[in-house]
Amino acid sequence: MRPLQPTGEQEELRDAVRAVLARHPGHTAWAPLTARIGAAALAVPEEYGGLGCGPAEVGVVMAELGRALSPVPYLGSAVLTVAALLASGDREACAKHLPHLAEGTVVGALAWAETPDGGWEADALSARAEPAGADWLLTGTKRYVLAGPAEPSLLLAFARPDAAAGTAPGRLGLFELLAAPAAFTVRSTMDRTRPLAELTLHRTPARLLSPDGAGVLARVRDLACTALAAEQAGAAARALEVTVRYAKDRVQFGRPIGSFQAVKHRLADLHTAVEGARSLALAAAAADAAPDLAAAAKSACSEAYAYVAGEMIQLHGGIGITWEHEAHEYFKRAHGSALLFGSPAAHRERLAGRLGFLPTG
């Protein structure tokens, strides 16, 4: 396992990403992040034009994106799409797409979820694939696709070959769409800083990248949870910083409210939650997104971030959900990201099953 303390290179990466996000708000940060810093190339192996780094470096970027509540499509493109291509083992697809994903000139997206809870269980996926010569035709509806400001130029999706296909009938596969889907609709969500789309497929041409879709899905899920945990830890840390600053500035009864013991205790509890989340996120990244640590980090960081964001509102005087204050953005991102890739309870159940505390059959 790699050390949990950031290296000098990781600290420089953090400072560079933070500086870009400070100068370029919203989606305008994507070009400098990819062209100047090479953020999208971190998880891409050097043989495909990337930097050959791992989850630790990706986590550095994700933590900064969380601090800024950035809407750039980094998680969907540079994490999920890259991870799915690498896990597929399709060298032709990797050679074709990874260099452009690394440059940021191509934005990719992965369509996995079909159920309302956005679960990653392979058994819950039912999109169909029927053979059409050397290619396939996909039909189904996918939810919660991580979207950018425009429709992704590279779309990957999971589907099941029809029983009549003759090749691994019913077994989940990973496919690359060869044409635009029937519909790609960005939905309004509670968290306006993270666009989510619904993807409709109706006999959409596609190429099979891997017949072991369940294996690809499991690996992508662990990398996604590890990256998202880093984002949640970074956002929680920023929410606490903003709250501490307010507690020092806000005067009540002639004193800053941060000088009252009750407020000090609550801030200390928040600090403990943030540091615990940060440690688990770092541990999961250092372990190359090992399944147990990925599940633990996603569960713990989701709950820690939701707790900090809720207390942020209360310690700002119960300001609530107002468009005039940033607290509501952190609160909405916290609760939206808690459910993305599976709820905290679902990951605890997954971890308990892996550790033998629950029956696996």
Protein backbone atom coordinates (compact mmCIF):
# COMPACT_ATOMS: atom_id res chain seq x y z
CA MET A 1 0.00 0.00 0.00
CA ARG A 2 1.24 3.47 -0.85
CA PRO A 3 1.80 6.02 1.93
CA LEU A 4 -1.25 8.04 2.94
CA GLN A 5 0.61 11.35 3.05
CA PRO A 6 0.61 13.20 -0.29
CA THR A 7 3.87 13.31 -2.18
CA GLY A 8 5.49 16.52 -3.36
CA GLU A 9 4.20 15.89 -6.89
CA GLN A 10 0.67 15.36 -5.59
CA GLU A 11 0.81 18.61 -3.63
CA GLU A 12 1.94 20.45 -6.77
CA LEU A 13 -0.91 18.85 -8.69
CA ARG A 14 -3.36 19.93 -6.00
CA ASP A 15 -2.12 23.52 -6.08
CA ALA A 16 -2.26 23.65 -9.88
CA VAL A 17 -5.82 22.29 -10.05
CA ARG A 18 -6.97 24.64 -7.29
CA ALA A 19 -5.47 27.63 -9.11
CA VAL A 20 -7.19 26.70 -12.39
CA LEU A 21 -10.56 26.23 -10.69
CA ALA A 22 -10.20 29.60 -8.98
CA ARG A 23 -9.58 31.37 -12.30
CA HIS A 24 -12.01 29.43 -14.49
CA PRO A 25 -15.50 28.97 -13.07
CA GLY A 26 -17.92 26.26 -14.13
CA HIS A 27 -17.42 24.32 -17.35
CA THR A 28 -14.75 26.77 -18.56
CA ALA A 29 -12.25 24.92 -16.34
CA TRP A 30 -12.29 21.80 -18.53
CA ALA A 31 -9.94 23.09 -21.24
CA PRO A 32 -7.18 24.36 -18.92
CA LEU A 33 -7.50 21.30 -16.67
CA THR A 34 -6.93 18.96 -19.58
CA ALA A 35 -4.65 20.99 -21.88
CA ARG A 36 -2.41 22.67 -19.30
CA ILE A 37 -2.38 20.24 -16.39
CA GLY A 38 -3.17 16.96 -18.12
CA ALA A 39 -5.76 16.04 -15.49
CA ALA A 40 -7.71 13.78 -17.84
CA ALA A 41 -4.54 11.83 -18.67
CA LEU A 42 -3.73 10.77 -15.12
CA ALA A 43 -5.40 7.34 -15.20
CA VAL A 44 -4.42 6.60 -18.83
CA PRO A 45 -1.33 4.38 -19.26
CA GLU A 46 1.68 5.91 -20.95
CA GLU A 47 1.37 3.55 -23.94
CA TYR A 48 -1.90 5.30 -24.77
CA GLY A 49 -0.59 8.83 -24.36
CA GLY A 50 -1.42 9.21 -20.68
CA LEU A 51 0.59 9.88 -17.55
CA GLY A 52 0.34 6.37 -16.08
CA CYS A 53 -0.78 7.45 -12.63
CA GLY A 54 -3.36 5.82 -10.39
CA PRO A 55 -6.30 6.41 -8.04
CA ALA A 56 -4.17 8.49 -5.66
CA GLU A 57 -3.49 11.17 -8.27
CA VAL A 58 -7.05 11.00 -9.58
CA GLY A 59 -8.17 11.49 -5.98
CA VAL A 60 -6.16 14.69 -5.72
CA VAL A 61 -8.04 16.13 -8.70
CA MET A 62 -11.40 14.86 -7.45
CA ALA A 63 -10.88 16.43 -4.01
CA GLU A 64 -10.25 19.82 -5.62
CA LEU A 65 -13.25 19.46 -7.91
CA GLY A 66 -15.31 18.70 -4.81
CA ARG A 67 -14.02 21.77 -3.01
CA ALA A 68 -15.06 23.95 -5.95
CA LEU A 69 -18.29 22.00 -6.69
CA SER A 70 -17.06 21.97 -10.28
CA PRO A 71 -19.48 20.67 -12.95
CA VAL A 72 -16.75 19.53 -15.38
CA PRO A 73 -17.25 15.97 -16.75
CA TYR A 74 -14.09 14.59 -15.12
CA LEU A 75 -15.75 11.80 -13.14
CA GLY A 76 -17.76 10.48 -16.07
CA SER A 77 -15.05 10.81 -18.72
CA ALA A 78 -11.60 10.62 -17.11
CA VAL A 79 -12.61 8.10 -14.44
CA LEU A 80 -15.56 5.92 -15.49
CA THR A 81 -15.01 5.83 -19.26
CA VAL A 82 -11.26 5.38 -19.00
CA ALA A 83 -11.65 2.68 -16.36
CA ALA A 84 -14.24 0.81 -18.44
CA LEU A 85 -12.05 0.83 -21.55
CA LEU A 86 -9.02 -0.42 -19.64
CA ALA A 87 -11.03 -3.10 -17.82
CA SER A 88 -12.52 -4.31 -21.11
CA GLY A 89 -9.12 -5.47 -22.33
CA ASP A 90 -9.98 -4.34 -25.88
CA ARG A 91 -6.65 -2.97 -27.04
CA GLU A 92 -8.07 -1.70 -30.32
CA ALA A 93 -10.66 0.43 -28.53
CA CYS A 94 -8.08 1.61 -26.02
CA ALA A 95 -5.66 2.68 -28.75
CA LYS A 96 -8.45 4.46 -30.60
CA HIS A 97 -10.08 6.35 -27.73
CA LEU A 98 -7.73 6.69 -24.76
CA PRO A 99 -5.33 9.22 -26.35
CA HIS A 100 -8.24 11.56 -27.11
CA LEU A 101 -9.79 11.05 -23.68
CA ALA A 102 -6.40 11.85 -22.15
CA GLU A 103 -6.21 15.09 -24.15
CA GLY A 104 -9.73 16.05 -23.13
CA THR A 105 -10.70 16.59 -26.76
CA VAL A 106 -13.15 13.68 -26.46
CA VAL A 107 -15.57 13.48 -23.54
CA GLY A 108 -16.86 10.03 -22.73
CA ALA A 109 -19.69 8.67 -20.63
CA LEU A 110 -20.61 5.27 -19.24
CA ALA A 111 -24.23 4.13 -19.14
CA TRP A 112 -24.76 1.53 -16.44
CA ALA A 113 -27.78 2.16 -14.18
CA GLU A 114 -31.33 1.17 -15.10
CA THR A 115 -33.13 0.91 -11.75
CA PRO A 116 -34.36 3.96 -9.79
CA ASP A 117 -31.79 3.37 -7.04
CA GLY A 118 -28.93 3.49 -9.56
CA GLY A 119 -27.58 0.16 -8.36
CA TRP A 120 -24.54 -1.54 -9.85
CA GLU A 121 -25.72 -5.13 -9.44
CA ALA A 122 -25.24 -6.92 -12.76
CA ASP A 123 -28.45 -8.89 -12.26
CA ALA A 124 -30.47 -5.64 -12.25
CA LEU A 125 -29.40 -4.67 -15.79
CA SER A 126 -31.69 -5.77 -18.61
CA ALA A 127 -30.85 -3.68 -21.69
CA ARG A 128 -30.78 -6.05 -24.69
CA ALA A 129 -28.25 -6.58 -27.46
CA GLU A 130 -29.21 -8.41 -30.65
CA PRO A 131 -26.66 -9.46 -33.28
CA ALA A 132 -26.42 -7.52 -36.53
CA GLY A 133 -23.61 -9.01 -38.58
CA ALA A 134 -20.33 -8.26 -36.88
CA ASP A 135 -21.96 -5.64 -34.66
CA TRP A 136 -24.94 -5.45 -32.30
CA LEU A 137 -28.13 -3.47 -31.85
CA LEU A 138 -28.84 -2.20 -28.31
CA THR A 139 -32.27 -1.49 -26.86
CA GLY A 140 -33.04 -0.20 -23.37
CA THR A 141 -33.05 2.82 -21.09
CA LYS A 142 -30.14 3.95 -18.92
CA ARG A 143 -30.37 6.38 -16.02
CA TYR A 144 -28.00 8.65 -14.13
CA VAL A 145 -25.46 9.00 -16.94
CA LEU A 146 -22.88 11.58 -15.89
CA ALA A 147 -23.20 14.33 -18.47
CA GLY A 148 -21.27 17.44 -19.40
CA PRO A 149 -22.50 20.64 -21.05
CA ALA A 150 -23.00 18.70 -24.31
CA GLU A 151 -23.78 15.13 -25.33
CA PRO A 152 -20.66 12.95 -24.92
CA SER A 153 -18.86 12.04 -28.11
CA LEU A 154 -18.03 8.55 -26.80
CA LEU A 155 -20.69 6.43 -25.12
CA LEU A 156 -20.21 3.01 -23.54
CA ALA A 157 -23.11 0.93 -22.26
CA PHE A 158 -23.80 -2.41 -20.61
CA ALA A 159 -26.33 -4.77 -22.21
CA ARG A 160 -27.20 -8.48 -22.44
CA PRO A 161 -26.96 -10.42 -25.72
CA ASP A 162 -30.24 -12.07 -26.71
CA ALA A 163 -30.59 -15.76 -26.11
CA ALA A 164 -30.64 -16.30 -29.87
CA ALA A 165 -27.31 -14.56 -30.33
CA GLY A 166 -25.33 -17.76 -29.83
CA THR A 167 -22.52 -15.95 -28.00
CA ALA A 168 -22.79 -15.99 -24.22
CA PRO A 169 -26.58 -15.51 -24.26
CA GLY A 170 -27.85 -13.46 -21.33
CA ARG A 171 -24.35 -12.68 -20.07
CA LEU A 172 -23.69 -9.00 -19.46
CA GLY A 173 -21.43 -7.31 -21.99
CA LEU A 174 -19.80 -3.89 -22.40
CA PHE A 175 -20.52 -2.15 -25.71
CA GLU A 176 -19.33 0.96 -27.54
CA LEU A 177 -22.14 2.83 -29.28
CA LEU A 178 -21.41 3.35 -32.98
CA ALA A 179 -24.24 5.85 -33.53
CA ALA A 180 -26.08 8.45 -31.52
CA PRO A 181 -28.67 7.06 -29.09
CA ALA A 182 -32.37 7.47 -29.76
CA ALA A 183 -32.47 10.10 -27.03
CA PHE A 184 -30.00 11.69 -24.63
CA THR A 185 -31.93 13.84 -22.15
CA VAL A 186 -30.30 15.83 -19.35
CA ARG A 187 -32.63 15.72 -16.35
CA SER A 188 -33.20 18.41 -13.74
CA THR A 189 -31.85 17.17 -10.42
CA MET A 190 -31.57 18.48 -6.88
CA ASP A 191 -27.87 19.13 -7.45
CA ARG A 192 -27.55 21.57 -10.35
CA THR A 193 -23.73 21.30 -10.22
CA ARG A 194 -23.78 17.67 -11.43
CA PRO A 195 -25.80 17.10 -14.63
CA LEU A 196 -27.31 13.63 -14.99
CA ALA A 197 -28.83 12.30 -18.20
CA GLU A 198 -31.19 9.56 -19.29
CA LEU A 199 -30.11 7.53 -22.29
CA THR A 200 -32.64 5.80 -24.56
CA LEU A 201 -31.42 3.08 -26.91
CA HIS A 202 -33.59 1.66 -29.70
CA ARG A 203 -31.70 -0.76 -31.92
CA THR A 204 -28.68 1.50 -31.63
CA PRO A 205 -25.61 0.07 -33.44
CA ALA A 206 -22.80 -0.94 -31.09
CA ARG A 207 -19.60 -2.95 -30.92
CA LEU A 208 -18.87 -5.50 -28.21
CA LEU A 209 -15.81 -4.52 -26.17
CA SER A 210 -15.98 -7.20 -23.50
CA PRO A 211 -18.23 -10.23 -22.92
CA ASP A 212 -17.35 -10.04 -19.21
CA GLY A 213 -19.47 -7.01 -18.44
CA ALA A 214 -19.96 -8.06 -14.82
CA GLY A 215 -16.21 -8.05 -14.23
CA VAL A 216 -15.81 -4.68 -15.91
CA LEU A 217 -18.73 -3.29 -13.93
CA ALA A 218 -17.26 -4.44 -10.61
CA ARG A 219 -13.86 -2.86 -11.31
CA VAL A 220 -15.35 0.41 -12.55
CA ARG A 221 -17.62 0.59 -9.50
CA ASP A 222 -14.66 0.35 -7.11
CA LEU A 223 -12.68 3.00 -8.98
CA ALA A 224 -15.76 5.23 -9.19
CA CYS A 225 -16.47 4.91 -5.46
CA THR A 226 -12.84 5.66 -4.60
CA ALA A 227 -12.81 8.76 -6.80
CA LEU A 228 -16.16 9.98 -5.49
CA ALA A 229 -15.04 9.43 -1.89
CA ALA A 230 -12.09 11.75 -2.55
CA GLU A 231 -14.46 14.35 -3.98
CA GLN A 232 -16.75 14.08 -0.96
CA ALA A 233 -13.84 14.41 1.47
CA GLY A 234 -12.58 17.50 -0.37
CA ALA A 235 -16.03 19.10 -0.44
CA ALA A 236 -16.59 18.36 3.25
CA ALA A 237 -13.26 19.95 4.12
CA ARG A 238 -14.17 23.09 2.18
CA ALA A 239 -17.62 23.26 3.79
CA LEU A 240 -15.95 23.10 7.20
CA GLU A 241 -13.47 25.84 6.24
CA VAL A 242 -16.33 28.14 5.21
CA THR A 243 -18.18 27.38 8.44
CA VAL A 244 -15.15 28.04 10.64
CA ARG A 245 -14.55 31.34 8.88
CA TYR A 246 -18.16 32.36 9.49
CA ALA A 247 -17.93 31.34 13.16
CA LYS A 248 -14.95 33.65 13.55
CA ASP A 249 -16.61 36.58 11.78
CA ARG A 250 -20.20 36.36 13.09
CA VAL A 251 -20.60 38.35 16.31
CA GLN A 252 -23.39 37.63 18.77
CA PHE A 253 -23.70 39.13 22.28
CA GLY A 254 -20.50 41.06 21.63
CA ARG A 255 -18.40 37.96 20.83
CA PRO A 256 -17.65 35.83 17.75
CA ILE A 257 -19.93 32.82 17.90
CA GLY A 258 -16.89 30.59 17.43
CA SER A 259 -15.77 31.54 20.95
CA PHE A 260 -18.82 29.84 22.52
CA GLN A 261 -18.07 26.39 23.87
CA ALA A 262 -21.13 24.77 22.30
CA VAL A 263 -20.06 25.97 18.85
CA LYS A 264 -16.47 24.88 19.47
CA HIS A 265 -17.66 21.37 20.30
CA ARG A 266 -19.72 21.14 17.13
CA LEU A 267 -16.84 22.39 14.99
CA ALA A 268 -14.51 19.87 16.64
CA ASP A 269 -16.96 17.08 15.81
CA LEU A 270 -17.04 18.26 12.20
CA HIS A 271 -13.25 18.31 12.05
CA THR A 272 -13.14 14.72 13.31
CA ALA A 273 -15.66 13.64 10.65
CA VAL A 274 -13.73 15.38 7.87
CA GLU A 275 -10.39 13.86 8.88
CA GLY A 276 -11.91 10.41 9.18
CA ALA A 277 -13.41 10.71 5.71
CA ARG A 278 -10.16 12.00 4.28
CA SER A 279 -8.20 9.10 5.79
CA LEU A 280 -10.53 6.48 4.35
CA ALA A 281 -10.53 8.14 0.93
CA LEU A 282 -6.73 8.20 0.92
CA ALA A 283 -6.54 4.58 2.08
CA ALA A 284 -8.86 3.40 -0.70
CA ALA A 285 -6.84 5.29 -3.32
CA ALA A 286 -3.53 4.02 -1.94
CA ALA A 287 -4.85 0.44 -2.15
CA ASP A 288 -5.68 0.87 -5.87
CA ALA A 289 -9.42 0.95 -5.15
CA ALA A 290 -9.53 -2.44 -3.43
CA PRO A 291 -13.20 -3.50 -3.14
CA ASP A 292 -13.38 -3.53 0.67
CA LEU A 293 -11.78 -0.11 1.09
CA ALA A 294 -13.72 1.35 -1.83
CA ALA A 295 -17.00 0.30 -0.22
CA ALA A 296 -15.93 1.57 3.21
CA ALA A 297 -14.73 4.90 1.82
CA LYS A 298 -17.88 5.50 -0.22
CA SER A 299 -20.13 4.76 2.76
CA ALA A 300 -18.16 6.77 5.32
CA CYS A 301 -17.40 9.76 3.09
CA SER A 302 -21.03 10.01 1.96
CA GLU A 303 -22.28 10.19 5.53
CA ALA A 304 -19.51 12.50 6.72
CA TYR A 305 -20.14 14.97 3.90
CA ALA A 306 -23.91 14.96 4.48
CA TYR A 307 -23.32 15.57 8.20
CA VAL A 308 -20.90 18.44 7.61
CA ALA A 309 -23.14 20.06 4.99
CA GLY A 310 -26.14 19.89 7.33
CA GLU A 311 -24.21 21.41 10.20
CA MET A 312 -22.87 24.08 7.85
CA ILE A 313 -26.43 25.30 7.36
CA GLN A 314 -27.24 25.18 11.07
CA LEU A 315 -24.07 26.96 12.17
CA HIS A 316 -24.79 29.67 9.62
CA GLY A 317 -27.91 30.43 11.64
CA GLY A 318 -30.16 27.86 9.99
CA ILE A 319 -29.88 29.72 6.70
CA GLY A 320 -31.45 26.80 4.85
CA ILE A 321 -31.66 26.25 1.12
CA THR A 322 -31.20 29.70 -0.37
CA TRP A 323 -29.86 30.62 -3.80
CA GLU A 324 -27.96 33.51 -2.20
CA HIS A 325 -25.59 31.33 -0.17
CA GLU A 326 -23.15 28.57 -1.13
CA ALA A 327 -24.26 26.35 1.77
CA HIS A 328 -27.22 25.04 -0.21
CA GLU A 329 -24.94 23.95 -3.07
CA TYR A 330 -22.75 21.90 -0.72
CA PHE A 331 -25.85 20.44 0.93
CA LYS A 332 -27.38 19.36 -2.39
CA ARG A 333 -24.12 17.94 -3.72
CA ALA A 334 -23.68 16.02 -0.46
CA HIS A 335 -27.05 14.31 -0.66
CA GLY A 336 -26.87 13.73 -4.40
CA SER A 337 -23.41 12.17 -4.27
CA ALA A 338 -24.40 10.02 -1.29
CA LEU A 339 -26.78 8.10 -3.59
CA LEU A 340 -24.59 8.11 -6.69
CA PHE A 341 -22.96 4.68 -7.26
CA GLY A 342 -25.03 3.21 -4.40
CA SER A 343 -26.19 4.43 -0.99
CA PRO A 344 -24.02 4.24 2.14
CA ALA A 345 -26.22 1.43 3.46
CA ALA A 346 -25.82 -0.55 0.23
CA HIS A 347 -22.03 -0.33 0.45
CA ARG A 348 -22.03 -1.34 4.11
CA GLU A 349 -24.12 -4.36 3.19
CA ARG A 350 -21.70 -5.16 0.35
CA LEU A 351 -18.75 -4.86 2.69
CA ALA A 352 -20.41 -6.99 5.36
CA GLY A 353 -21.08 -9.69 2.79
CA ARG A 354 -17.48 -9.66 1.59
CA LEU A 355 -16.22 -9.94 5.16
CA GLY A 356 -18.52 -12.88 5.89
CA PHE A 357 -20.93 -11.11 8.20
CA LEU A 358 -23.86 -11.67 5.84
CA PRO A 359 -24.82 -14.68 3.73
CA THR A 360 -23.60 -14.29 0.17
CA GLY A 361 -25.99 -16.74 -1.47
